[in-house]
C-alpha atoms as a PDB file:
ATOM      1  CA  MET A   1      48.203 -61.241 112.282  1.00  0.00           C
ATOM      2  CA  LYS A   2      51.131 -63.592 112.044  1.00  0.00           C
ATOM      3  CA  GLY A   3      48.966 -66.149 110.244  1.00  0.00           C
ATOM      4  CA  SER A   4      48.078 -63.682 107.503  1.00  0.00           C
ATOM      5  CA  MET A   5      51.752 -62.895 106.910  1.00  0.00           C
ATOM      6  CA  GLU A   6      52.452 -66.597 106.542  1.00  0.00           C
ATOM      7  CA  GLN A   7      49.571 -66.903 104.067  1.00  0.00           C
ATOM      8  CA  LYS A   8      50.886 -63.945 102.078  1.00  0.00           C
ATOM      9  CA  LYS A   9      54.345 -65.498 101.909  1.00  0.00           C
ATOM     10  CA  GLU A  10      52.831 -68.783 100.751  1.00  0.00           C
ATOM     11  CA  HIS A  11      50.834 -67.085  97.974  1.00  0.00           C
ATOM     12  CA  MET A  12      53.916 -65.214  96.787  1.00  0.00           C
ATOM     13  CA  LYS A  13      55.924 -68.455  96.823  1.00  0.00           C
ATOM     14  CA  VAL A  14      53.262 -70.208  94.745  1.00  0.00           C
ATOM     15  CA  ASN A  15      53.166 -67.335  92.272  1.00  0.00           C
ATOM     16  CA  ARG A  16      56.926 -67.260  91.903  1.00  0.00           C
ATOM     17  CA  GLU A  17      56.832 -70.973  91.201  1.00  0.00           C
ATOM     18  CA  GLU A  18      54.119 -70.447  88.578  1.00  0.00           C
ATOM     19  CA  ILE A  19      56.149 -67.708  86.864  1.00  0.00           C
ATOM     20  CA  PHE A  20      59.344 -69.783  86.908  1.00  0.00           C
ATOM     21  CA  ARG A  21      57.467 -72.822  85.588  1.00  0.00           C
ATOM     22  CA  LEU A  22      56.232 -70.805  82.608  1.00  0.00           C
ATOM     23  CA  LEU A  23      59.751 -69.550  81.940  1.00  0.00           C
ATOM     24  CA  GLU A  24      61.236 -73.043  82.217  1.00  0.00           C
ATOM     25  CA  GLU A  25      58.697 -74.335  79.718  1.00  0.00           C
ATOM     26  CA  GLY A  26      60.231 -71.900  77.264  1.00  0.00           C
ATOM     27  CA  LYS A  27      57.162 -69.742  77.068  1.00  0.00           C
ATOM     28  CA  LYS A  28      57.582 -66.039  76.632  1.00  0.00           C
ATOM     29  CA  VAL A  29      56.070 -64.535  79.732  1.00  0.00           C
ATOM     30  CA  THR A  30      54.997 -60.935  79.333  1.00  0.00           C
ATOM     31  CA  ARG A  31      54.881 -58.301  82.032  1.00  0.00           C
ATOM     32  CA  GLU A  32      51.116 -58.447  81.702  1.00  0.00           C
ATOM     33  CA  GLN A  33      51.034 -62.184  82.459  1.00  0.00           C
ATOM     34  CA  ILE A  34      53.283 -61.759  85.490  1.00  0.00           C
ATOM     35  CA  SER A  35      51.090 -58.901  86.676  1.00  0.00           C
ATOM     36  CA  ASP A  36      47.993 -61.095  86.290  1.00  0.00           C
ATOM     37  CA  ILE A  37      49.595 -63.881  88.338  1.00  0.00           C
ATOM     38  CA  LEU A  38      50.485 -61.440  91.114  1.00  0.00           C
ATOM     39  CA  ASP A  39      47.004 -59.869  91.023  1.00  0.00           C
ATOM     40  CA  ARG A  40      45.434 -63.291  91.484  1.00  0.00           C
ATOM     41  CA  ALA A  41      47.636 -63.798  94.555  1.00  0.00           C
ATOM     42  CA  ARG A  42      46.536 -60.505  96.039  1.00  0.00           C
ATOM     43  CA  ARG A  43      42.893 -61.452  95.543  1.00  0.00           C
ATOM     44  CA  LYS A  44      43.489 -64.813  97.256  1.00  0.00           C
ATOM     45  CA  GLU A  45      44.989 -63.005 100.264  1.00  0.00           C
ATOM     46  CA  LYS A  46      41.744 -61.143 100.952  1.00  0.00           C
END
């Protein structure tokens, strides 16, 4: 079980980085885009 928690943390870290990268590039990131990024992470977890 501990391994899956570590994987989940890693996916969330990657997604945060992706969101911040988009923001730093000056792109307007919508709630929908952020939601899509997080949904992709959840699918990767499974």
